[in-house]
Amino acid sequence: IHYTPGKRWDSLYTWDSGMIGLGMLEYSPERAEYIMDLYLSEEE
């Protein structure tokens, strides 16, 4: 489940998504955290 920069792009744009998360933070901190978590990698 992903928030794209616009309706027509399905790519995982890294820097666009960080900005989307910052905007989402004003409405849903939970979804903002989800957006952030999607781009991170576990140690293993």
ModelCIF file with pLDDT and N, C-alpha, C, O atoms, coordinates in Angstrom:
data_MODEL
#
_entry.id   MODEL 
#
_entity.id                         1 
_entity.type                       polymer 
_entity.pdbx_number_of_molecules   1 
#
_entity_poly.entity_id                      1 
_entity_poly.type                           'polypeptide(L)' 
_entity_poly.nstd_linkage                   no 
_entity_poly.nstd_monomer                   no 
_entity_poly.pdbx_seq_one_letter_code       IHYTPGKRWDSLYTWDSGMIGLGMLEYSPERAEYIMDLYLSEEE 
_entity_poly.pdbx_seq_one_letter_code_can   IHYTPGKRWDSLYTWDSGMIGLGMLEYSPERAEYIMDLYLSEEE 
_entity_poly.pdbx_strand_id                 A 
#
loop_
_entity_poly_seq.entity_id 
_entity_poly_seq.num 
_entity_poly_seq.mon_id 
_entity_poly_seq.hetero 
1 1  ILE n 
1 2  HIS n 
1 3  TYR n 
1 4  THR n 
1 5  PRO n 
1 6  GLY n 
1 7  LYS n 
1 8  ARG n 
1 9  TRP n 
1 10 ASP n 
1 11 SER n 
1 12 LEU n 
1 13 TYR n 
1 14 THR n 
1 15 TRP n 
1 16 ASP n 
1 17 SER n 
1 18 GLY n 
1 19 MET n 
1 20 ILE n 
1 21 GLY n 
1 22 LEU n 
1 23 GLY n 
1 24 MET n 
1 25 LEU n 
1 26 GLU n 
1 27 TYR n 
1 28 SER n 
1 29 PRO n 
1 30 GLU n 
1 31 ARG n 
1 32 ALA n 
1 33 GLU n 
1 34 TYR n 
1 35 ILE n 
1 36 MET n 
1 37 ASP n 
1 38 LEU n 
1 39 TYR n 
1 40 LEU n 
1 41 SER n 
1 42 GLU n 
1 43 GLU n 
1 44 GLU n 
#
_struct_asym.id          A 
_struct_asym.entity_id   1 
#
loop_
_ma_qa_metric.id 
_ma_qa_metric.mode 
_ma_qa_metric.name 
_ma_qa_metric.software_group_id 
_ma_qa_metric.type 
1 global pLDDT . pLDDT 
2 local  pLDDT . pLDDT 
#
_ma_qa_metric_global.metric_id      1 
_ma_qa_metric_global.metric_value   91.82 
_ma_qa_metric_global.model_id       1 
_ma_qa_metric_global.ordinal_id     1 
#
loop_
_ma_qa_metric_local.label_asym_id 
_ma_qa_metric_local.label_comp_id 
_ma_qa_metric_local.label_seq_id 
_ma_qa_metric_local.metric_id 
_ma_qa_metric_local.metric_value 
_ma_qa_metric_local.model_id 
_ma_qa_metric_local.ordinal_id 
A ILE 1  2 85.00 1 1  
A HIS 2  2 87.00 1 2  
A TYR 3  2 89.00 1 3  
A THR 4  2 87.00 1 4  
A PRO 5  2 88.00 1 5  
A GLY 6  2 85.00 1 6  
A LYS 7  2 80.00 1 7  
A ARG 8  2 80.00 1 8  
A TRP 9  2 81.00 1 9  
A ASP 10 2 79.00 1 10 
A SER 11 2 83.00 1 11 
A LEU 12 2 90.00 1 12 
A TYR 13 2 92.00 1 13 
A THR 14 2 94.00 1 14 
A TRP 15 2 94.00 1 15 
A ASP 16 2 93.00 1 16 
A SER 17 2 94.00 1 17 
A GLY 18 2 95.00 1 18 
A MET 19 2 95.00 1 19 
A ILE 20 2 95.00 1 20 
A GLY 21 2 96.00 1 21 
A LEU 22 2 96.00 1 22 
A GLY 23 2 95.00 1 23 
A MET 24 2 95.00 1 24 
A LEU 25 2 96.00 1 25 
A GLU 26 2 96.00 1 26 
A TYR 27 2 95.00 1 27 
A SER 28 2 96.00 1 28 
A PRO 29 2 96.00 1 29 
A GLU 30 2 97.00 1 30 
A ARG 31 2 96.00 1 31 
A ALA 32 2 97.00 1 32 
A GLU 33 2 98.00 1 33 
A TYR 34 2 97.00 1 34 
A ILE 35 2 96.00 1 35 
A MET 36 2 97.00 1 36 
A ASP 37 2 96.00 1 37 
A LEU 38 2 95.00 1 38 
A TYR 39 2 96.00 1 39 
A LEU 40 2 96.00 1 40 
A SER 41 2 94.00 1 41 
A GLU 42 2 89.00 1 42 
A GLU 43 2 82.00 1 43 
A GLU 44 2 87.00 1 44 
#
loop_
_atom_site.group_PDB 
_atom_site.id 
_atom_site.type_symbol 
_atom_site.label_atom_id 
_atom_site.label_alt_id 
_atom_site.label_comp_id 
_atom_site.label_asym_id 
_atom_site.label_entity_id 
_atom_site.label_seq_id 
_atom_site.pdbx_PDB_ins_code 
_atom_site.Cartn_x 
_atom_site.Cartn_y 
_atom_site.Cartn_z 
_atom_site.occupancy 
_atom_site.B_iso_or_equiv 
_atom_site.pdbx_formal_charge 
_atom_site.auth_seq_id 
_atom_site.auth_comp_id 
_atom_site.auth_asym_id 
_atom_site.auth_atom_id 
_atom_site.pdbx_PDB_model_num 
ATOM 1   N N  . ILE A 1 1  ? 0.878  -1.169 0.000   1.00 85.00 ? 1  ILE A N  1 
ATOM 2   C CA . ILE A 1 1  ? 0.000  0.000  0.000   1.00 85.00 ? 1  ILE A CA 1 
ATOM 3   C C  . ILE A 1 1  ? 0.913  1.216  0.000   1.00 85.00 ? 1  ILE A C  1 
ATOM 4   O O  . ILE A 1 1  ? 1.810  1.324  0.837   1.00 85.00 ? 1  ILE A O  1 
ATOM 5   N N  . HIS A 1 2  ? 0.690  2.123  -0.927  1.00 87.00 ? 2  HIS A N  1 
ATOM 6   C CA . HIS A 1 2  ? 1.692  3.163  -1.134  1.00 87.00 ? 2  HIS A CA 1 
ATOM 7   C C  . HIS A 1 2  ? 1.031  4.474  -1.548  1.00 87.00 ? 2  HIS A C  1 
ATOM 8   O O  . HIS A 1 2  ? 0.007  4.482  -2.232  1.00 87.00 ? 2  HIS A O  1 
ATOM 9   N N  . TYR A 1 3  ? 1.630  5.571  -1.125  1.00 89.00 ? 3  TYR A N  1 
ATOM 10  C CA . TYR A 1 3  ? 1.195  6.901  -1.550  1.00 89.00 ? 3  TYR A CA 1 
ATOM 11  C C  . TYR A 1 3  ? 2.154  7.387  -2.630  1.00 89.00 ? 3  TYR A C  1 
ATOM 12  O O  . TYR A 1 3  ? 3.329  7.632  -2.356  1.00 89.00 ? 3  TYR A O  1 
ATOM 13  N N  . THR A 1 4  ? 1.661  7.524  -3.838  1.00 87.00 ? 4  THR A N  1 
ATOM 14  C CA . THR A 1 4  ? 2.517  7.940  -4.950  1.00 87.00 ? 4  THR A CA 1 
ATOM 15  C C  . THR A 1 4  ? 2.558  9.462  -5.039  1.00 87.00 ? 4  THR A C  1 
ATOM 16  O O  . THR A 1 4  ? 1.676  10.134 -4.505  1.00 87.00 ? 4  THR A O  1 
ATOM 17  N N  . PRO A 1 5  ? 3.579  10.018 -5.714  1.00 88.00 ? 5  PRO A N  1 
ATOM 18  C CA . PRO A 1 5  ? 3.657  11.481 -5.851  1.00 88.00 ? 5  PRO A CA 1 
ATOM 19  C C  . PRO A 1 5  ? 2.423  12.089 -6.518  1.00 88.00 ? 5  PRO A C  1 
ATOM 20  O O  . PRO A 1 5  ? 1.966  13.167 -6.138  1.00 88.00 ? 5  PRO A O  1 
ATOM 21  N N  . GLY A 1 6  ? 1.887  11.374 -7.527  1.00 85.00 ? 6  GLY A N  1 
ATOM 22  C CA . GLY A 1 6  ? 0.673  11.791 -8.217  1.00 85.00 ? 6  GLY A CA 1 
ATOM 23  C C  . GLY A 1 6  ? -0.131 10.541 -8.528  1.00 85.00 ? 6  GLY A C  1 
ATOM 24  O O  . GLY A 1 6  ? 0.312  9.431  -8.231  1.00 85.00 ? 6  GLY A O  1 
ATOM 25  N N  . LYS A 1 7  ? -1.281 10.702 -9.110  1.00 80.00 ? 7  LYS A N  1 
ATOM 26  C CA . LYS A 1 7  ? -2.159 9.545  -9.317  1.00 80.00 ? 7  LYS A CA 1 
ATOM 27  C C  . LYS A 1 7  ? -1.639 8.566  -10.365 1.00 80.00 ? 7  LYS A C  1 
ATOM 28  O O  . LYS A 1 7  ? -2.046 7.405  -10.376 1.00 80.00 ? 7  LYS A O  1 
ATOM 29  N N  . ARG A 1 8  ? -0.753 9.011  -11.237 1.00 80.00 ? 8  ARG A N  1 
ATOM 30  C CA . ARG A 1 8  ? -0.399 8.182  -12.396 1.00 80.00 ? 8  ARG A CA 1 
ATOM 31  C C  . ARG A 1 8  ? 0.925  7.451  -12.268 1.00 80.00 ? 8  ARG A C  1 
ATOM 32  O O  . ARG A 1 8  ? 1.265  6.659  -13.147 1.00 80.00 ? 8  ARG A O  1 
ATOM 33  N N  . TRP A 1 9  ? 1.694  7.688  -11.195 1.00 81.00 ? 9  TRP A N  1 
ATOM 34  C CA . TRP A 1 9  ? 2.998  7.046  -11.046 1.00 81.00 ? 9  TRP A CA 1 
ATOM 35  C C  . TRP A 1 9  ? 2.953  5.996  -9.942  1.00 81.00 ? 9  TRP A C  1 
ATOM 36  O O  . TRP A 1 9  ? 2.525  6.284  -8.825  1.00 81.00 ? 9  TRP A O  1 
ATOM 37  N N  . ASP A 1 10 ? 3.392  4.792  -10.250 1.00 79.00 ? 10 ASP A N  1 
ATOM 38  C CA . ASP A 1 10 ? 3.388  3.740  -9.239  1.00 79.00 ? 10 ASP A CA 1 
ATOM 39  C C  . ASP A 1 10 ? 4.785  3.474  -8.691  1.00 79.00 ? 10 ASP A C  1 
ATOM 40  O O  . ASP A 1 10 ? 4.986  2.501  -7.964  1.00 79.00 ? 10 ASP A O  1 
ATOM 41  N N  . SER A 1 11 ? 5.742  4.313  -9.024  1.00 83.00 ? 11 SER A N  1 
ATOM 42  C CA . SER A 1 11 ? 7.111  4.102  -8.572  1.00 83.00 ? 11 SER A CA 1 
ATOM 43  C C  . SER A 1 11 ? 7.300  4.556  -7.121  1.00 83.00 ? 11 SER A C  1 
ATOM 44  O O  . SER A 1 11 ? 6.562  5.398  -6.610  1.00 83.00 ? 11 SER A O  1 
ATOM 45  N N  . LEU A 1 12 ? 8.319  3.966  -6.474  1.00 90.00 ? 12 LEU A N  1 
ATOM 46  C CA . LEU A 1 12 ? 8.617  4.274  -5.082  1.00 90.00 ? 12 LEU A CA 1 
ATOM 47  C C  . LEU A 1 12 ? 9.614  5.431  -5.019  1.00 90.00 ? 12 LEU A C  1 
ATOM 48  O O  . LEU A 1 12 ? 10.782 5.229  -4.689  1.00 90.00 ? 12 LEU A O  1 
ATOM 49  N N  . TYR A 1 13 ? 9.160  6.626  -5.331  1.00 92.00 ? 13 TYR A N  1 
ATOM 50  C CA . TYR A 1 13 ? 10.029 7.799  -5.308  1.00 92.00 ? 13 TYR A CA 1 
ATOM 51  C C  . TYR A 1 13 ? 10.417 8.126  -3.875  1.00 92.00 ? 13 TYR A C  1 
ATOM 52  O O  . TYR A 1 13 ? 9.565  8.469  -3.055  1.00 92.00 ? 13 TYR A O  1 
ATOM 53  N N  . THR A 1 14 ? 11.712 8.017  -3.577  1.00 94.00 ? 14 THR A N  1 
ATOM 54  C CA . THR A 1 14 ? 12.170 8.137  -2.191  1.00 94.00 ? 14 THR A CA 1 
ATOM 55  C C  . THR A 1 14 ? 11.993 9.543  -1.637  1.00 94.00 ? 14 THR A C  1 
ATOM 56  O O  . THR A 1 14 ? 11.421 9.716  -0.560  1.00 94.00 ? 14 THR A O  1 
ATOM 57  N N  . TRP A 1 15 ? 12.474 10.544 -2.355  1.00 94.00 ? 15 TRP A N  1 
ATOM 58  C CA . TRP A 1 15 ? 12.447 11.877 -1.761  1.00 94.00 ? 15 TRP A CA 1 
ATOM 59  C C  . TRP A 1 15 ? 11.041 12.468 -1.797  1.00 94.00 ? 15 TRP A C  1 
ATOM 60  O O  . TRP A 1 15 ? 10.656 13.188 -0.876  1.00 94.00 ? 15 TRP A O  1 
ATOM 61  N N  . ASP A 1 16 ? 10.275 12.181 -2.834  1.00 93.00 ? 16 ASP A N  1 
ATOM 62  C CA . ASP A 1 16 ? 8.885  12.629 -2.877  1.00 93.00 ? 16 ASP A CA 1 
ATOM 63  C C  . ASP A 1 16 ? 8.111  12.049 -1.685  1.00 93.00 ? 16 ASP A C  1 
ATOM 64  O O  . ASP A 1 16 ? 7.304  12.743 -1.066  1.00 93.00 ? 16 ASP A O  1 
ATOM 65  N N  . SER A 1 17 ? 8.360  10.788 -1.373  1.00 94.00 ? 17 SER A N  1 
ATOM 66  C CA . SER A 1 17 ? 7.598  10.125 -0.326  1.00 94.00 ? 17 SER A CA 1 
ATOM 67  C C  . SER A 1 17 ? 7.891  10.689 1.051   1.00 94.00 ? 17 SER A C  1 
ATOM 68  O O  . SER A 1 17 ? 7.004  10.742 1.903   1.00 94.00 ? 17 SER A O  1 
ATOM 69  N N  . GLY A 1 18 ? 9.126  11.111 1.277   1.00 95.00 ? 18 GLY A N  1 
ATOM 70  C CA . GLY A 1 18 ? 9.418  11.772 2.545   1.00 95.00 ? 18 GLY A CA 1 
ATOM 71  C C  . GLY A 1 18 ? 8.625  13.051 2.712   1.00 95.00 ? 18 GLY A C  1 
ATOM 72  O O  . GLY A 1 18 ? 8.150  13.361 3.804   1.00 95.00 ? 18 GLY A O  1 
ATOM 73  N N  . MET A 1 19 ? 8.482  13.801 1.612   1.00 95.00 ? 19 MET A N  1 
ATOM 74  C CA . MET A 1 19 ? 7.694  15.034 1.667   1.00 95.00 ? 19 MET A CA 1 
ATOM 75  C C  . MET A 1 19 ? 6.213  14.726 1.857   1.00 95.00 ? 19 MET A C  1 
ATOM 76  O O  . MET A 1 19 ? 5.517  15.442 2.577   1.00 95.00 ? 19 MET A O  1 
ATOM 77  N N  . ILE A 1 20 ? 5.725  13.657 1.210   1.00 95.00 ? 20 ILE A N  1 
ATOM 78  C CA . ILE A 1 20 ? 4.333  13.243 1.410   1.00 95.00 ? 20 ILE A CA 1 
ATOM 79  C C  . ILE A 1 20 ? 4.102  12.916 2.888   1.00 95.00 ? 20 ILE A C  1 
ATOM 80  O O  . ILE A 1 20 ? 3.075  13.285 3.456   1.00 95.00 ? 20 ILE A O  1 
ATOM 81  N N  . GLY A 1 21 ? 5.063  12.223 3.504   1.00 96.00 ? 21 GLY A N  1 
ATOM 82  C CA . GLY A 1 21 ? 4.946  11.877 4.914   1.00 96.00 ? 21 GLY A CA 1 
ATOM 83  C C  . GLY A 1 21 ? 4.886  13.098 5.805   1.00 96.00 ? 21 GLY A C  1 
ATOM 84  O O  . GLY A 1 21 ? 4.136  13.122 6.781   1.00 96.00 ? 21 GLY A O  1 
ATOM 85  N N  . LEU A 1 22 ? 5.676  14.121 5.477   1.00 96.00 ? 22 LEU A N  1 
ATOM 86  C CA . LEU A 1 22 ? 5.649  15.355 6.266   1.00 96.00 ? 22 LEU A CA 1 
ATOM 87  C C  . LEU A 1 22 ? 4.287  16.036 6.171   1.00 96.00 ? 22 LEU A C  1 
ATOM 88  O O  . LEU A 1 22 ? 3.789  16.580 7.156   1.00 96.00 ? 22 LEU A O  1 
ATOM 89  N N  . GLY A 1 23 ? 3.688  16.004 4.978   1.00 95.00 ? 23 GLY A N  1 
ATOM 90  C CA . GLY A 1 23 ? 2.349  16.568 4.835   1.00 95.00 ? 23 GLY A CA 1 
ATOM 91  C C  . GLY A 1 23 ? 1.317  15.731 5.568   1.00 95.00 ? 23 GLY A C  1 
ATOM 92  O O  . GLY A 1 23 ? 0.439  16.273 6.239   1.00 95.00 ? 23 GLY A O  1 
ATOM 93  N N  . MET A 1 24 ? 1.416  14.404 5.444   1.00 95.00 ? 24 MET A N  1 
ATOM 94  C CA . MET A 1 24 ? 0.489  13.493 6.106   1.00 95.00 ? 24 MET A CA 1 
ATOM 95  C C  . MET A 1 24 ? 0.558  13.621 7.625   1.00 95.00 ? 24 MET A C  1 
ATOM 96  O O  . MET A 1 24 ? -0.428 13.364 8.315   1.00 95.00 ? 24 MET A O  1 
ATOM 97  N N  . LEU A 1 25 ? 1.704  14.011 8.140   1.00 96.00 ? 25 LEU A N  1 
ATOM 98  C CA . LEU A 1 25 ? 1.892  14.154 9.578   1.00 96.00 ? 25 LEU A CA 1 
ATOM 99  C C  . LEU A 1 25 ? 0.882  15.119 10.200  1.00 96.00 ? 25 LEU A C  1 
ATOM 100 O O  . LEU A 1 25 ? 0.524  14.979 11.369  1.00 96.00 ? 25 LEU A O  1 
ATOM 101 N N  . GLU A 1 26 ? 0.425  16.097 9.415   1.00 96.00 ? 26 GLU A N  1 
ATOM 102 C CA . GLU A 1 26 ? -0.539 17.068 9.943   1.00 96.00 ? 26 GLU A CA 1 
ATOM 103 C C  . GLU A 1 26 ? -1.941 16.486 10.075  1.00 96.00 ? 26 GLU A C  1 
ATOM 104 O O  . GLU A 1 26 ? -2.814 17.104 10.684  1.00 96.00 ? 26 GLU A O  1 
ATOM 105 N N  . TYR A 1 27 ? -2.162 15.304 9.511   1.00 95.00 ? 27 TYR A N  1 
ATOM 106 C CA . TYR A 1 27 ? -3.496 14.701 9.533   1.00 95.00 ? 27 TYR A CA 1 
ATOM 107 C C  . TYR A 1 27 ? -3.510 13.338 10.222  1.00 95.00 ? 27 TYR A C  1 
ATOM 108 O O  . TYR A 1 27 ? -4.467 12.999 10.918  1.00 95.00 ? 27 TYR A O  1 
ATOM 109 N N  . SER A 1 28 ? -2.445 12.559 10.026  1.00 96.00 ? 28 SER A N  1 
ATOM 110 C CA . SER A 1 28 ? -2.397 11.219 10.598  1.00 96.00 ? 28 SER A CA 1 
ATOM 111 C C  . SER A 1 28 ? -0.953 10.824 10.876  1.00 96.00 ? 28 SER A C  1 
ATOM 112 O O  . SER A 1 28 ? -0.273 10.343 9.970   1.00 96.00 ? 28 SER A O  1 
ATOM 113 N N  . PRO A 1 29 ? -0.465 11.011 12.094  1.00 96.00 ? 29 PRO A N  1 
ATOM 114 C CA . PRO A 1 29 ? 0.901  10.593 12.429  1.00 96.00 ? 29 PRO A CA 1 
ATOM 115 C C  . PRO A 1 29 ? 1.132  9.109  12.163  1.00 96.00 ? 29 PRO A C  1 
ATOM 116 O O  . PRO A 1 29 ? 2.244  8.704  11.825  1.00 96.00 ? 29 PRO A O  1 
ATOM 117 N N  . GLU A 1 30 ? 0.082  8.296  12.314  1.00 97.00 ? 30 GLU A N  1 
ATOM 118 C CA . GLU A 1 30 ? 0.223  6.863  12.078  1.00 97.00 ? 30 GLU A CA 1 
ATOM 119 C C  . GLU A 1 30 ? 0.553  6.576  10.614  1.00 97.00 ? 30 GLU A C  1 
ATOM 120 O O  . GLU A 1 30 ? 1.424  5.758  10.318  1.00 97.00 ? 30 GLU A O  1 
ATOM 121 N N  . ARG A 1 31 ? -0.136 7.243  9.716   1.00 96.00 ? 31 ARG A N  1 
ATOM 122 C CA . ARG A 1 31 ? 0.139  7.030  8.286   1.00 96.00 ? 31 ARG A CA 1 
ATOM 123 C C  . ARG A 1 31 ? 1.478  7.643  7.890   1.00 96.00 ? 31 ARG A C  1 
ATOM 124 O O  . ARG A 1 31 ? 2.179  7.114  7.026   1.00 96.00 ? 31 ARG A O  1 
ATOM 125 N N  . ALA A 1 32 ? 1.823  8.743  8.515   1.00 97.00 ? 32 ALA A N  1 
ATOM 126 C CA . ALA A 1 32 ? 3.132  9.341  8.249   1.00 97.00 ? 32 ALA A CA 1 
ATOM 127 C C  . ALA A 1 32 ? 4.242  8.373  8.643   1.00 97.00 ? 32 ALA A C  1 
ATOM 128 O O  . ALA A 1 32 ? 5.226  8.221  7.921   1.00 97.00 ? 32 ALA A O  1 
ATOM 129 N N  . GLU A 1 33 ? 4.080  7.723  9.785   1.00 98.00 ? 33 GLU A N  1 
ATOM 130 C CA . GLU A 1 33 ? 5.071  6.739  10.222  1.00 98.00 ? 33 GLU A CA 1 
ATOM 131 C C  . GLU A 1 33 ? 5.108  5.546  9.266   1.00 98.00 ? 33 GLU A C  1 
ATOM 132 O O  . GLU A 1 33 ? 6.183  5.025  8.968   1.00 98.00 ? 33 GLU A O  1 
ATOM 133 N N  . TYR A 1 34 ? 3.955  5.119  8.791   1.00 97.00 ? 34 TYR A N  1 
ATOM 134 C CA . TYR A 1 34 ? 3.912  4.007  7.834   1.00 97.00 ? 34 TYR A CA 1 
ATOM 135 C C  . TYR A 1 34 ? 4.687  4.354  6.564   1.00 97.00 ? 34 TYR A C  1 
ATOM 136 O O  . TYR A 1 34 ? 5.448  3.534  6.052   1.00 97.00 ? 34 TYR A O  1 
ATOM 137 N N  . ILE A 1 35 ? 4.489  5.574  6.059   1.00 96.00 ? 35 ILE A N  1 
ATOM 138 C CA . ILE A 1 35 ? 5.186  6.014  4.851   1.00 96.00 ? 35 ILE A CA 1 
ATOM 139 C C  . ILE A 1 35 ? 6.693  5.963  5.075   1.00 96.00 ? 35 ILE A C  1 
ATOM 140 O O  . ILE A 1 35 ? 7.444  5.508  4.212   1.00 96.00 ? 35 ILE A O  1 
ATOM 141 N N  . MET A 1 36 ? 7.126  6.431  6.240   1.00 97.00 ? 36 MET A N  1 
ATOM 142 C CA . MET A 1 36 ? 8.557  6.413  6.578   1.00 97.00 ? 36 MET A CA 1 
ATOM 143 C C  . MET A 1 36 ? 9.087  4.981  6.683   1.00 97.00 ? 36 MET A C  1 
ATOM 144 O O  . MET A 1 36 ? 10.133 4.653  6.123   1.00 97.00 ? 36 MET A O  1 
ATOM 145 N N  . ASP A 1 37 ? 8.349  4.136  7.407   1.00 96.00 ? 37 ASP A N  1 
ATOM 146 C CA . ASP A 1 37 ? 8.780  2.762  7.666   1.00 96.00 ? 37 ASP A CA 1 
ATOM 147 C C  . ASP A 1 37 ? 8.972  1.967  6.375   1.00 96.00 ? 37 ASP A C  1 
ATOM 148 O O  . ASP A 1 37 ? 9.851  1.109  6.288   1.00 96.00 ? 37 ASP A O  1 
ATOM 149 N N  . LEU A 1 38 ? 8.141  2.261  5.375   1.00 95.00 ? 38 LEU A N  1 
ATOM 150 C CA . LEU A 1 38 ? 8.196  1.534  4.113   1.00 95.00 ? 38 LEU A CA 1 
ATOM 151 C C  . LEU A 1 38 ? 9.565  1.644  3.445   1.00 95.00 ? 38 LEU A C  1 
ATOM 152 O O  . LEU A 1 38 ? 9.963  0.736  2.715   1.00 95.00 ? 38 LEU A O  1 
ATOM 153 N N  . TYR A 1 39 ? 10.293 2.736  3.681   1.00 96.00 ? 39 TYR A N  1 
ATOM 154 C CA . TYR A 1 39 ? 11.552 2.996  2.992   1.00 96.00 ? 39 TYR A CA 1 
ATOM 155 C C  . TYR A 1 39 ? 12.775 2.546  3.775   1.00 96.00 ? 39 TYR A C  1 
ATOM 156 O O  . TYR A 1 39 ? 13.902 2.734  3.317   1.00 96.00 ? 39 TYR A O  1 
ATOM 157 N N  . LEU A 1 40 ? 12.572 1.952  4.956   1.00 96.00 ? 40 LEU A N  1 
ATOM 158 C CA . LEU A 1 40 ? 13.682 1.546  5.799   1.00 96.00 ? 40 LEU A CA 1 
ATOM 159 C C  . LEU A 1 40 ? 13.948 0.050  5.680   1.00 96.00 ? 40 LEU A C  1 
ATOM 160 O O  . LEU A 1 40 ? 13.094 -0.713 5.227   1.00 96.00 ? 40 LEU A O  1 
ATOM 161 N N  . SER A 1 41 ? 15.138 -0.353 6.092   1.00 94.00 ? 41 SER A N  1 
ATOM 162 C CA . SER A 1 41 ? 15.551 -1.749 5.988   1.00 94.00 ? 41 SER A CA 1 
ATOM 163 C C  . SER A 1 41 ? 16.016 -2.253 7.349   1.00 94.00 ? 41 SER A C  1 
ATOM 164 O O  . SER A 1 41 ? 16.792 -1.585 8.032   1.00 94.00 ? 41 SER A O  1 
ATOM 165 N N  . GLU A 1 42 ? 15.542 -3.427 7.739   1.00 89.00 ? 42 GLU A N  1 
ATOM 166 C CA . GLU A 1 42 ? 15.958 -4.019 8.998   1.00 89.00 ? 42 GLU A CA 1 
ATOM 167 C C  . GLU A 1 42 ? 17.425 -4.453 8.917   1.00 89.00 ? 42 GLU A C  1 
ATOM 168 O O  . GLU A 1 42 ? 17.960 -4.685 7.833   1.00 89.00 ? 42 GLU A O  1 
ATOM 169 N N  . GLU A 1 43 ? 18.056 -4.555 10.079  1.00 82.00 ? 43 GLU A N  1 
ATOM 170 C CA . GLU A 1 43 ? 19.477 -4.911 10.129  1.00 82.00 ? 43 GLU A CA 1 
ATOM 171 C C  . GLU A 1 43 ? 19.766 -6.256 9.466   1.00 82.00 ? 43 GLU A C  1 
ATOM 172 O O  . GLU A 1 43 ? 20.813 -6.435 8.844   1.00 82.00 ? 43 GLU A O  1 
ATOM 173 N N  . GLU A 1 44 ? 18.828 -7.207 9.604   1.00 87.00 ? 44 GLU A N  1 
ATOM 174 C CA . GLU A 1 44 ? 19.073 -8.539 9.052   1.00 87.00 ? 44 GLU A CA 1 
ATOM 175 C C  . GLU A 1 44 ? 18.817 -8.617 7.550   1.00 87.00 ? 44 GLU A C  1 
ATOM 176 O O  . GLU A 1 44 ? 18.983 -9.678 6.949   1.00 87.00 ? 44 GLU A O  1 
#
